[in-house]
């Protein structure tokens, strides 16, 4: 679907023309330990929002459990987790609501 690695150029093209056929691969790539450092979720999460689905919940919950020190990354992951409508995310989102840096993201309304 992506035709290779998610490079910054491929991510830029995806953001310009979001494609549901590529959304799963883009999410997997930005959450991957091996490739996530090349393109961060913060640069593509807005394009991914329209395609968020319940099946993304476990991947996003796992990513949040790893606790990125980058607040912008955590905020993007929380916004996508909320958009995924994953019922198992309720605990994570409620906890994030209790903290100022992540409160708005847990509600899905942060402006990154």
PDB file of N, CA and C in Angstrom:
ATOM      1  N   UNK A   1       0.815  -1.193   0.000  1.00  0.00           N
ATOM      2  CA  UNK A   1       0.000   0.000   0.000  1.00  0.00           C
ATOM      3  C   UNK A   1       0.860   1.258   0.000  1.00  0.00           C
ATOM      4  N   UNK A   2       1.848   1.288   0.900  1.00  0.00           N
ATOM      5  CA  UNK A   2       2.736   2.436   0.907  1.00  0.00           C
ATOM      6  C   UNK A   2       3.828   2.288  -0.136  1.00  0.00           C
ATOM      7  N   UNK A   3       4.092   1.074  -0.534  1.00  0.00           N
ATOM      8  CA  UNK A   3       5.131   0.843  -1.524  1.00  0.00           C
ATOM      9  C   UNK A   3       6.528   0.991  -0.949  1.00  0.00           C
ATOM     10  N   UNK A   4       6.690   0.777   0.336  1.00  0.00           N
ATOM     11  CA  UNK A   4       7.997   0.890   0.969  1.00  0.00           C
ATOM     12  C   UNK A   4       7.896   1.563   2.320  1.00  0.00           C
ATOM     13  N   UNK A   5       9.024   2.067   2.787  1.00  0.00           N
ATOM     14  CA  UNK A   5       9.095   2.688   4.102  1.00  0.00           C
ATOM     15  C   UNK A   5       8.349   4.018   4.131  1.00  0.00           C
ATOM     16  N   UNK A   6       7.908   4.360   5.306  1.00  0.00           N
ATOM     17  CA  UNK A   6       7.264   5.659   5.486  1.00  0.00           C
ATOM     18  C   UNK A   6       8.353   6.702   5.707  1.00  0.00           C
ATOM     19  N   UNK A   7       8.675   7.374   4.671  1.00  0.00           N
ATOM     20  CA  UNK A   7       9.670   8.437   4.726  1.00  0.00           C
ATOM     21  C   UNK A   7       8.945   9.762   4.973  1.00  0.00           C
ATOM     22  N   UNK A   8       9.671  10.801   5.344  1.00  0.00           N
ATOM     23  CA  UNK A   8       9.007  12.097   5.491  1.00  0.00           C
ATOM     24  C   UNK A   8       8.280  12.539   4.216  1.00  0.00           C
ATOM     25  N   UNK A   9       8.832  12.233   3.057  1.00  0.00           N
ATOM     26  CA  UNK A   9       8.189  12.614   1.790  1.00  0.00           C
ATOM     27  C   UNK A   9       6.880  11.840   1.585  1.00  0.00           C
ATOM     28  N   UNK A  10       6.893  10.545   1.879  1.00  0.00           N
ATOM     29  CA  UNK A  10       5.671   9.735   1.739  1.00  0.00           C
ATOM     30  C   UNK A  10       4.620  10.228   2.735  1.00  0.00           C
ATOM     31  N   UNK A  11       5.045  10.547   3.953  1.00  0.00           N
ATOM     32  CA  UNK A  11       4.111  11.062   4.958  1.00  0.00           C
ATOM     33  C   UNK A  11       3.495  12.379   4.500  1.00  0.00           C
ATOM     34  N   UNK A  12       4.303  13.228   3.908  1.00  0.00           N
ATOM     35  CA  UNK A  12       3.808  14.517   3.409  1.00  0.00           C
ATOM     36  C   UNK A  12       2.754  14.298   2.318  1.00  0.00           C
ATOM     37  N   UNK A  13       3.004  13.331   1.432  1.00  0.00           N
ATOM     38  CA  UNK A  13       2.025  13.027   0.373  1.00  0.00           C
ATOM     39  C   UNK A  13       0.748  12.452   0.963  1.00  0.00           C
ATOM     40  N   UNK A  14       0.882  11.584   1.976  1.00  0.00           N
ATOM     41  CA  UNK A  14      -0.293  11.012   2.629  1.00  0.00           C
ATOM     42  C   UNK A  14      -1.134  12.123   3.267  1.00  0.00           C
ATOM     43  N   UNK A  15      -0.483  13.070   3.918  1.00  0.00           N
ATOM     44  CA  UNK A  15      -1.206  14.172   4.569  1.00  0.00           C
ATOM     45  C   UNK A  15      -1.898  15.070   3.550  1.00  0.00           C
ATOM     46  N   UNK A  16      -1.278  15.226   2.398  1.00  0.00           N
ATOM     47  CA  UNK A  16      -1.879  16.061   1.353  1.00  0.00           C
ATOM     48  C   UNK A  16      -3.093  15.385   0.726  1.00  0.00           C
ATOM     49  N   UNK A  17      -3.025  14.069   0.608  1.00  0.00           N
ATOM     50  CA  UNK A  17      -4.124  13.288   0.026  1.00  0.00           C
ATOM     51  C   UNK A  17      -4.341  12.027   0.853  1.00  0.00           C
ATOM     52  N   UNK A  18      -4.971  12.163   2.028  1.00  0.00           N
ATOM     53  CA  UNK A  18      -5.179  10.991   2.886  1.00  0.00           C
ATOM     54  C   UNK A  18      -5.932   9.885   2.148  1.00  0.00           C
ATOM     55  N   UNK A  19      -5.469   8.682   2.323  1.00  0.00           N
ATOM     56  CA  UNK A  19      -6.011   7.528   1.614  1.00  0.00           C
ATOM     57  C   UNK A  19      -6.349   6.434   2.626  1.00  0.00           C
ATOM     58  N   UNK A  20      -7.611   6.017   2.679  1.00  0.00           N
ATOM     59  CA  UNK A  20      -7.971   4.985   3.654  1.00  0.00           C
ATOM     60  C   UNK A  20      -7.211   3.679   3.441  1.00  0.00           C
ATOM     61  N   UNK A  21      -6.820   3.392   2.215  1.00  0.00           N
ATOM     62  CA  UNK A  21      -6.079   2.161   1.937  1.00  0.00           C
ATOM     63  C   UNK A  21      -4.685   2.195   2.564  1.00  0.00           C
ATOM     64  N   UNK A  22      -4.151   3.372   2.819  1.00  0.00           N
ATOM     65  CA  UNK A  22      -2.805   3.518   3.393  1.00  0.00           C
ATOM     66  C   UNK A  22      -2.824   3.809   4.891  1.00  0.00           C
ATOM     67  N   UNK A  23      -3.962   4.169   5.437  1.00  0.00           N
ATOM     68  CA  UNK A  23      -4.026   4.626   6.826  1.00  0.00           C
ATOM     69  C   UNK A  23      -3.481   3.600   7.818  1.00  0.00           C
ATOM     70  N   UNK A  24      -3.855   2.338   7.686  1.00  0.00           N
ATOM     71  CA  UNK A  24      -3.366   1.311   8.612  1.00  0.00           C
ATOM     72  C   UNK A  24      -1.845   1.193   8.554  1.00  0.00           C
ATOM     73  N   UNK A  25      -1.298   1.216   7.356  1.00  0.00           N
ATOM     74  CA  UNK A  25       0.152   1.091   7.190  1.00  0.00           C
ATOM     75  C   UNK A  25       0.880   2.313   7.751  1.00  0.00           C
ATOM     76  N   UNK A  26       0.308   3.493   7.568  1.00  0.00           N
ATOM     77  CA  UNK A  26       0.918   4.712   8.106  1.00  0.00           C
ATOM     78  C   UNK A  26       0.928   4.647   9.629  1.00  0.00           C
ATOM     79  N   UNK A  27      -0.202   4.271  10.230  1.00  0.00           N
ATOM     80  CA  UNK A  27      -0.258   4.168  11.687  1.00  0.00           C
ATOM     81  C   UNK A  27       0.750   3.144  12.193  1.00  0.00           C
ATOM     82  N   UNK A  28       0.780   1.977  11.577  1.00  0.00           N
ATOM     83  CA  UNK A  28       1.724   0.937  12.002  1.00  0.00           C
ATOM     84  C   UNK A  28       3.160   1.433  11.914  1.00  0.00           C
ATOM     85  N   UNK A  29       3.455   2.170  10.889  1.00  0.00           N
ATOM     86  CA  UNK A  29       4.816   2.664  10.706  1.00  0.00           C
ATOM     87  C   UNK A  29       5.201   3.688  11.772  1.00  0.00           C
ATOM     88  N   UNK A  30       4.325   4.635  12.062  1.00  0.00           N
ATOM     89  CA  UNK A  30       4.685   5.651  13.050  1.00  0.00           C
ATOM     90  C   UNK A  30       4.723   5.103  14.469  1.00  0.00           C
ATOM     91  N   UNK A  31       4.029   3.996  14.714  1.00  0.00           N
ATOM     92  CA  UNK A  31       4.066   3.381  16.030  1.00  0.00           C
ATOM     93  C   UNK A  31       5.186   2.363  16.166  1.00  0.00           C
ATOM     94  N   UNK A  32       5.810   2.015  15.074  1.00  0.00           N
ATOM     95  CA  UNK A  32       6.879   1.024  15.079  1.00  0.00           C
ATOM     96  C   UNK A  32       8.147   1.593  15.696  1.00  0.00           C
ATOM     97  N   UNK A  33       8.773   0.817  16.546  1.00  0.00           N
ATOM     98  CA  UNK A  33      10.032   1.250  17.176  1.00  0.00           C
ATOM     99  C   UNK A  33      11.119   1.451  16.135  1.00  0.00           C
ATOM    100  N   UNK A  34      11.092   0.659  15.072  1.00  0.00           N
ATOM    101  CA  UNK A  34      12.144   0.748  14.059  1.00  0.00           C
ATOM    102  C   UNK A  34      11.977   1.961  13.147  1.00  0.00           C
ATOM    103  N   UNK A  35      10.742   2.326  12.830  1.00  0.00           N
ATOM    104  CA  UNK A  35      10.541   3.396  11.853  1.00  0.00           C
ATOM    105  C   UNK A  35       9.918   4.649  12.438  1.00  0.00           C
ATOM    106  N   UNK A  36       9.416   4.579  13.650  1.00  0.00           N
ATOM    107  CA  UNK A  36       8.731   5.713  14.241  1.00  0.00           C
ATOM    108  C   UNK A  36       9.588   6.955  14.384  1.00  0.00           C
ATOM    109  N   UNK A  37      10.890   6.777  14.497  1.00  0.00           N
ATOM    110  CA  UNK A  37      11.750   7.947  14.672  1.00  0.00           C
ATOM    111  C   UNK A  37      11.918   8.739  13.384  1.00  0.00           C
ATOM    112  N   UNK A  38      11.664   8.134  12.245  1.00  0.00           N
ATOM    113  CA  UNK A  38      11.799   8.845  10.962  1.00  0.00           C
ATOM    114  C   UNK A  38      10.625   9.788  10.730  1.00  0.00           C
ATOM    115  N   UNK A  39       9.444   9.291  11.014  1.00  0.00           N
ATOM    116  CA  UNK A  39       8.218  10.092  10.883  1.00  0.00           C
ATOM    117  C   UNK A  39       7.440   9.915  12.176  1.00  0.00           C
ATOM    118  N   UNK A  40       7.210  11.003  12.871  1.00  0.00           N
ATOM    119  CA  UNK A  40       6.483  10.918  14.133  1.00  0.00           C
ATOM    120  C   UNK A  40       4.985  11.016  13.891  1.00  0.00           C
ATOM    121  N   UNK A  41       4.246  10.442  14.800  1.00  0.00           N
ATOM    122  CA  UNK A  41       2.791  10.449  14.707  1.00  0.00           C
ATOM    123  C   UNK A  41       2.244  11.877  14.687  1.00  0.00           C
ATOM    124  N   UNK A  42       2.960  12.799  15.281  1.00  0.00           N
ATOM    125  CA  UNK A  42       2.501  14.193  15.318  1.00  0.00           C
ATOM    126  C   UNK A  42       2.383  14.809  13.929  1.00  0.00           C
ATOM    127  N   UNK A  43       3.144  14.293  12.977  1.00  0.00           N
ATOM    128  CA  UNK A  43       3.091  14.871  11.628  1.00  0.00           C
ATOM    129  C   UNK A  43       1.989  14.283  10.757  1.00  0.00           C
ATOM    130  N   UNK A  44       1.376  13.185  11.200  1.00  0.00           N
ATOM    131  CA  UNK A  44       0.354  12.537  10.361  1.00  0.00           C
ATOM    132  C   UNK A  44      -0.982  12.302  11.060  1.00  0.00           C
ATOM    133  N   UNK A  45      -1.067  12.576  12.361  1.00  0.00           N
ATOM    134  CA  UNK A  45      -2.283  12.170  13.070  1.00  0.00           C
ATOM    135  C   UNK A  45      -3.539  12.866  12.562  1.00  0.00           C
ATOM    136  N   UNK A  46      -3.429  14.111  12.133  1.00  0.00           N
ATOM    137  CA  UNK A  46      -4.626  14.802  11.627  1.00  0.00           C
ATOM    138  C   UNK A  46      -5.172  14.112  10.373  1.00  0.00           C
ATOM    139  N   UNK A  47      -4.275  13.650   9.514  1.00  0.00           N
ATOM    140  CA  UNK A  47      -4.699  12.941   8.304  1.00  0.00           C
ATOM    141  C   UNK A  47      -5.268  11.568   8.662  1.00  0.00           C
ATOM    142  N   UNK A  48      -4.786  10.979   9.744  1.00  0.00           N
ATOM    143  CA  UNK A  48      -5.279   9.670  10.170  1.00  0.00           C
ATOM    144  C   UNK A  48      -6.642   9.741  10.849  1.00  0.00           C
ATOM    145  N   UNK A  49      -6.975  10.874  11.442  1.00  0.00           N
ATOM    146  CA  UNK A  49      -8.217  11.005  12.217  1.00  0.00           C
ATOM    147  C   UNK A  49      -9.464  10.545  11.467  1.00  0.00           C
ATOM    148  N   UNK A  50      -9.563  10.878  10.216  1.00  0.00           N
ATOM    149  CA  UNK A  50     -10.753  10.525   9.439  1.00  0.00           C
ATOM    150  C   UNK A  50     -10.924   9.014   9.280  1.00  0.00           C
ATOM    151  N   UNK A  51      -9.837   8.271   9.466  1.00  0.00           N
ATOM    152  CA  UNK A  51      -9.877   6.821   9.245  1.00  0.00           C
ATOM    153  C   UNK A  51      -9.776   6.027  10.537  1.00  0.00           C
ATOM    154  N   UNK A  52      -9.765   6.696  11.682  1.00  0.00           N
ATOM    155  CA  UNK A  52      -9.621   6.010  12.970  1.00  0.00           C
ATOM    156  C   UNK A  52     -10.689   4.938  13.118  1.00  0.00           C
ATOM    157  N   UNK A  53     -10.269   3.814  13.617  1.00  0.00           N
ATOM    158  CA  UNK A  53     -11.212   2.713  13.804  1.00  0.00           C
ATOM    159  C   UNK A  53     -10.886   1.939  15.060  1.00  0.00           C
ATOM    160  N   UNK A  54     -11.859   1.218  15.515  1.00  0.00           N
ATOM    161  CA  UNK A  54     -11.767   0.463  16.745  1.00  0.00           C
ATOM    162  C   UNK A  54     -10.530  -0.441  16.792  1.00  0.00           C
ATOM    163  N   UNK A  55     -10.155  -1.016  15.666  1.00  0.00           N
ATOM    164  CA  UNK A  55      -9.025  -1.942  15.616  1.00  0.00           C
ATOM    165  C   UNK A  55      -7.690  -1.264  15.926  1.00  0.00           C
ATOM    166  N   UNK A  56      -7.635   0.050  15.852  1.00  0.00           N
ATOM    167  CA  UNK A  56      -6.398   0.763  16.179  1.00  0.00           C
ATOM    168  C   UNK A  56      -6.186   0.872  17.677  1.00  0.00           C
ATOM    169  N   UNK A  57      -7.240   0.680  18.453  1.00  0.00           N
ATOM    170  CA  UNK A  57      -7.163   0.842  19.905  1.00  0.00           C
ATOM    171  C   UNK A  57      -6.029   0.081  20.569  1.00  0.00           C
ATOM    172  N   UNK A  58      -5.910  -1.234  20.346  1.00  0.00           N
ATOM    173  CA  UNK A  58      -4.834  -1.967  21.008  1.00  0.00           C
ATOM    174  C   UNK A  58      -3.431  -1.443  20.673  1.00  0.00           C
ATOM    175  N   UNK A  59      -3.210  -1.079  19.430  1.00  0.00           N
ATOM    176  CA  UNK A  59      -1.891  -0.546  19.043  1.00  0.00           C
ATOM    177  C   UNK A  59      -1.619   0.781  19.739  1.00  0.00           C
ATOM    178  N   UNK A  60      -2.627   1.629  19.801  1.00  0.00           N
ATOM    179  CA  UNK A  60      -2.456   2.933  20.438  1.00  0.00           C
ATOM    180  C   UNK A  60      -2.313   2.798  21.952  1.00  0.00           C
ATOM    181  N   UNK A  61      -3.062   1.880  22.554  1.00  0.00           N
ATOM    182  CA  UNK A  61      -2.929   1.652  23.997  1.00  0.00           C
ATOM    183  C   UNK A  61      -1.527   1.152  24.326  1.00  0.00           C
ATOM    184  N   UNK A  62      -1.001   0.243  23.515  1.00  0.00           N
ATOM    185  CA  UNK A  62       0.363  -0.254  23.716  1.00  0.00           C
ATOM    186  C   UNK A  62       1.374   0.877  23.579  1.00  0.00           C
ATOM    187  N   UNK A  63       1.194   1.717  22.588  1.00  0.00           N
ATOM    188  CA  UNK A  63       2.110   2.849  22.394  1.00  0.00           C
ATOM    189  C   UNK A  63       2.072   3.789  23.599  1.00  0.00           C
ATOM    190  N   UNK A  64       0.893   4.039  24.134  1.00  0.00           N
ATOM    191  CA  UNK A  64       0.770   4.920  25.292  1.00  0.00           C
ATOM    192  C   UNK A  64       1.368   4.289  26.545  1.00  0.00           C
ATOM    193  N   UNK A  65       1.294   2.970  26.663  1.00  0.00           N
ATOM    194  CA  UNK A  65       1.883   2.285  27.812  1.00  0.00           C
ATOM    195  C   UNK A  65       3.405   2.401  27.810  1.00  0.00           C
ATOM    196  N   UNK A  66       3.991   2.547  26.626  1.00  0.00           N
ATOM    197  CA  UNK A  66       5.445   2.701  26.524  1.00  0.00           C
ATOM    198  C   UNK A  66       5.889   4.077  27.000  1.00  0.00           C
ATOM    199  N   UNK A  67       4.983   5.008  27.119  1.00  0.00           N
ATOM    200  CA  UNK A  67       5.181   6.360  27.636  1.00  0.00           C
ATOM    201  C   UNK A  67       6.308   7.101  26.934  1.00  0.00           C
ATOM    202  N   UNK A  68       5.952   7.765  25.887  1.00  0.00           N
ATOM    203  CA  UNK A  68       6.897   8.630  25.188  1.00  0.00           C
ATOM    204  C   UNK A  68       7.147   9.871  26.035  1.00  0.00           C
ATOM    205  N   UNK A  69       8.402  10.285  26.170  1.00  0.00           N
ATOM    206  CA  UNK A  69       8.674  11.520  26.914  1.00  0.00           C
ATOM    207  C   UNK A  69       8.221  12.777  26.157  1.00  0.00           C
ATOM    208  N   UNK A  70       7.900  12.615  24.887  1.00  0.00           N
ATOM    209  CA  UNK A  70       7.457  13.742  24.058  1.00  0.00           C
ATOM    210  C   UNK A  70       5.951  13.939  24.249  1.00  0.00           C
ATOM    211  N   UNK A  71       5.577  15.032  24.897  1.00  0.00           N
ATOM    212  CA  UNK A  71       4.169  15.291  25.195  1.00  0.00           C
ATOM    213  C   UNK A  71       3.330  15.381  23.932  1.00  0.00           C
ATOM    214  N   UNK A  72       3.868  15.923  22.858  1.00  0.00           N
ATOM    215  CA  UNK A  72       3.120  16.045  21.603  1.00  0.00           C
ATOM    216  C   UNK A  72       2.785  14.666  21.032  1.00  0.00           C
ATOM    217  N   UNK A  73       3.702  13.721  21.159  1.00  0.00           N
ATOM    218  CA  UNK A  73       3.456  12.344  20.703  1.00  0.00           C
ATOM    219  C   UNK A  73       2.331  11.736  21.524  1.00  0.00           C
ATOM    220  N   UNK A  74       2.410  11.865  22.853  1.00  0.00           N
ATOM    221  CA  UNK A  74       1.355  11.321  23.713  1.00  0.00           C
ATOM    222  C   UNK A  74       0.003  11.952  23.402  1.00  0.00           C
ATOM    223  N   UNK A  75      -0.006  13.264  23.173  1.00  0.00           N
ATOM    224  CA  UNK A  75      -1.266  13.937  22.852  1.00  0.00           C
ATOM    225  C   UNK A  75      -1.849  13.409  21.546  1.00  0.00           C
ATOM    226  N   UNK A  76      -1.037  13.236  20.533  1.00  0.00           N
ATOM    227  CA  UNK A  76      -1.521  12.710  19.245  1.00  0.00           C
ATOM    228  C   UNK A  76      -2.057  11.294  19.410  1.00  0.00           C
ATOM    229  N   UNK A  77      -1.353  10.469  20.191  1.00  0.00           N
ATOM    230  CA  UNK A  77      -1.811   9.097  20.428  1.00  0.00           C
ATOM    231  C   UNK A  77      -3.144   9.089  21.167  1.00  0.00           C
ATOM    232  N   UNK A  78      -3.302   9.969  22.132  1.00  0.00           N
ATOM    233  CA  UNK A  78      -4.571  10.053  22.878  1.00  0.00           C
ATOM    234  C   UNK A  78      -5.722  10.499  21.994  1.00  0.00           C
ATOM    235  N   UNK A  79      -5.464  11.462  21.134  1.00  0.00           N
ATOM    236  CA  UNK A  79      -6.524  11.935  20.231  1.00  0.00           C
ATOM    237  C   UNK A  79      -6.967  10.808  19.309  1.00  0.00           C
ATOM    238  N   UNK A  80      -6.021  10.092  18.747  1.00  0.00           N
ATOM    239  CA  UNK A  80      -6.376   8.968  17.862  1.00  0.00           C
ATOM    240  C   UNK A  80      -7.051   7.849  18.641  1.00  0.00           C
ATOM    241  N   UNK A  81      -6.596   7.607  19.882  1.00  0.00           N
ATOM    242  CA  UNK A  81      -7.225   6.570  20.698  1.00  0.00           C
ATOM    243  C   UNK A  81      -8.682   6.927  20.962  1.00  0.00           C
ATOM    244  N   UNK A  82      -8.947   8.175  21.299  1.00  0.00           N
ATOM    245  CA  UNK A  82     -10.334   8.600  21.501  1.00  0.00           C
ATOM    246  C   UNK A  82     -11.159   8.466  20.237  1.00  0.00           C
ATOM    247  N   UNK A  83     -10.574   8.829  19.113  1.00  0.00           N
ATOM    248  CA  UNK A  83     -11.280   8.743  17.831  1.00  0.00           C
ATOM    249  C   UNK A  83     -11.537   7.305  17.421  1.00  0.00           C
ATOM    250  N   UNK A  84     -10.728   6.383  17.933  1.00  0.00           N
ATOM    251  CA  UNK A  84     -10.900   4.969  17.562  1.00  0.00           C
ATOM    252  C   UNK A  84     -12.146   4.347  18.192  1.00  0.00           C
ATOM    253  N   UNK A  85     -12.676   4.996  19.228  1.00  0.00           N
ATOM    254  CA  UNK A  85     -13.870   4.490  19.932  1.00  0.00           C
ATOM    255  C   UNK A  85     -13.635   3.107  20.544  1.00  0.00           C
ATOM    256  N   UNK A  86     -12.385   2.826  20.886  1.00  0.00           N
ATOM    257  CA  UNK A  86     -12.028   1.547  21.516  1.00  0.00           C
ATOM    258  C   UNK A  86     -12.579   1.526  22.938  1.00  0.00           C
ATOM    259  N   UNK A  87     -13.508   0.592  23.251  1.00  0.00           N
ATOM    260  CA  UNK A  87     -14.097   0.562  24.589  1.00  0.00           C
ATOM    261  C   UNK A  87     -13.059   0.290  25.684  1.00  0.00           C
ATOM    262  N   UNK A  88     -11.982  -0.379  25.353  1.00  0.00           N
ATOM    263  CA  UNK A  88     -10.949  -0.687  26.345  1.00  0.00           C
ATOM    264  C   UNK A  88     -10.071   0.527  26.653  1.00  0.00           C
ATOM    265  N   UNK A  89     -10.259   1.609  25.951  1.00  0.00           N
ATOM    266  CA  UNK A  89      -9.441   2.810  26.145  1.00  0.00           C
ATOM    267  C   UNK A  89      -9.960   3.696  27.264  1.00  0.00           C
ATOM    268  N   UNK A  90     -11.115   3.400  27.781  1.00  0.00           N
ATOM    269  CA  UNK A  90     -11.757   4.271  28.751  1.00  0.00           C
ATOM    270  C   UNK A  90     -10.847   4.600  29.937  1.00  0.00           C
ATOM    271  N   UNK A  91     -10.179   3.622  30.497  1.00  0.00           N
ATOM    272  CA  UNK A  91      -9.306   3.851  31.654  1.00  0.00           C
ATOM    273  C   UNK A  91      -8.163   4.790  31.338  1.00  0.00           C
ATOM    274  N   UNK A  92      -7.537   4.593  30.193  1.00  0.00           N
ATOM    275  CA  UNK A  92      -6.413   5.442  29.780  1.00  0.00           C
ATOM    276  C   UNK A  92      -6.894   6.874  29.563  1.00  0.00           C
ATOM    277  N   UNK A  93      -8.031   7.016  28.903  1.00  0.00           N
ATOM    278  CA  UNK A  93      -8.552   8.353  28.623  1.00  0.00           C
ATOM    279  C   UNK A  93      -8.990   9.062  29.903  1.00  0.00           C
ATOM    280  N   UNK A  94      -9.610   8.333  30.831  1.00  0.00           N
ATOM    281  CA  UNK A  94     -10.011   8.940  32.105  1.00  0.00           C
ATOM    282  C   UNK A  94      -8.795   9.396  32.903  1.00  0.00           C
ATOM    283  N   UNK A  95      -7.744   8.596  32.898  1.00  0.00           N
ATOM    284  CA  UNK A  95      -6.505   8.976  33.584  1.00  0.00           C
ATOM    285  C   UNK A  95      -5.896  10.228  32.946  1.00  0.00           C
ATOM    286  N   UNK A  96      -5.894  10.275  31.621  1.00  0.00           N
ATOM    287  CA  UNK A  96      -5.334  11.426  30.909  1.00  0.00           C
ATOM    288  C   UNK A  96      -6.138  12.696  31.187  1.00  0.00           C
ATOM    289  N   UNK A  97      -7.436  12.548  31.446  1.00  0.00           N
ATOM    290  CA  UNK A  97      -8.281  13.707  31.766  1.00  0.00           C
ATOM    291  C   UNK A  97      -7.867  14.378  33.080  1.00  0.00           C
ATOM    292  N   UNK A  98      -7.193  13.634  33.934  1.00  0.00           N
ATOM    293  CA  UNK A  98      -6.798  14.145  35.246  1.00  0.00           C
ATOM    294  C   UNK A  98      -5.518  14.967  35.206  1.00  0.00           C
ATOM    295  N   UNK A  99      -4.848  14.997  34.050  1.00  0.00           N
ATOM    296  CA  UNK A  99      -3.551  15.674  33.939  1.00  0.00           C
ATOM    297  C   UNK A  99      -3.659  16.823  32.951  1.00  0.00           C
ATOM    298  N   UNK A 100      -3.177  17.985  33.363  1.00  0.00           N
ATOM    299  CA  UNK A 100      -3.278  19.173  32.508  1.00  0.00           C
ATOM    300  C   UNK A 100      -2.667  18.999  31.121  1.00  0.00           C
ATOM    301  N   UNK A 101      -1.464  18.418  30.983  1.00  0.00           N
ATOM    302  CA  UNK A 101      -0.871  18.340  29.641  1.00  0.00           C
ATOM    303  C   UNK A 101      -1.639  17.447  28.664  1.00  0.00           C
ATOM    304  N   UNK A 102      -2.442  16.515  29.199  1.00  0.00           N
ATOM    305  CA  UNK A 102      -3.135  15.569  28.318  1.00  0.00           C
ATOM    306  C   UNK A 102      -4.656  15.677  28.382  1.00  0.00           C
ATOM    307  N   UNK A 103      -5.158  16.559  29.212  1.00  0.00           N
ATOM    308  CA  UNK A 103      -6.614  16.673  29.403  1.00  0.00           C
ATOM    309  C   UNK A 103      -7.349  16.946  28.090  1.00  0.00           C
ATOM    310  N   UNK A 104      -6.927  17.961  27.364  1.00  0.00           N
ATOM    311  CA  UNK A 104      -7.609  18.314  26.121  1.00  0.00           C
ATOM    312  C   UNK A 104      -7.476  17.210  25.064  1.00  0.00           C
ATOM    313  N   UNK A 105      -6.334  16.555  25.051  1.00  0.00           N
ATOM    314  CA  UNK A 105      -6.118  15.471  24.075  1.00  0.00           C
ATOM    315  C   UNK A 105      -7.048  14.297  24.366  1.00  0.00           C
ATOM    316  N   UNK A 106      -7.244  14.006  25.632  1.00  0.00           N
ATOM    317  CA  UNK A 106      -8.145  12.915  25.991  1.00  0.00           C
ATOM    318  C   UNK A 106      -9.569  13.227  25.552  1.00  0.00           C
ATOM    319  N   UNK A 107      -9.906  14.482  25.516  1.00  0.00           N
ATOM    320  CA  UNK A 107     -11.227  14.894  25.022  1.00  0.00           C
ATOM    321  C   UNK A 107     -11.263  14.953  23.506  1.00  0.00           C
ATOM    322  N   UNK A 108     -10.080  14.868  22.878  1.00  0.00           N
ATOM    323  CA  UNK A 108     -10.016  14.893  21.427  1.00  0.00           C
ATOM    324  C   UNK A 108      -9.954  16.271  20.832  1.00  0.00           C
ATOM    325  N   UNK A 109      -9.710  17.288  21.660  1.00  0.00           N
ATOM    326  CA  UNK A 109      -9.756  18.638  21.141  1.00  0.00           C
ATOM    327  C   UNK A 109      -8.463  19.418  21.236  1.00  0.00           C
ATOM    328  N   UNK A 110      -7.345  18.742  21.398  1.00  0.00           N
ATOM    329  CA  UNK A 110      -6.083  19.474  21.533  1.00  0.00           C
ATOM    330  C   UNK A 110      -5.668  20.075  20.198  1.00  0.00           C
ATOM    331  N   UNK A 111      -5.031  21.181  20.267  1.00  0.00           N
ATOM    332  CA  UNK A 111      -4.511  21.833  19.073  1.00  0.00           C
ATOM    333  C   UNK A 111      -2.999  21.693  19.074  1.00  0.00           C
ATOM    334  N   UNK A 112      -2.515  20.680  18.373  1.00  0.00           N
ATOM    335  CA  UNK A 112      -1.062  20.430  18.378  1.00  0.00           C
ATOM    336  C   UNK A 112      -0.413  21.259  17.317  1.00  0.00           C
TER     337      UNK A 112
END
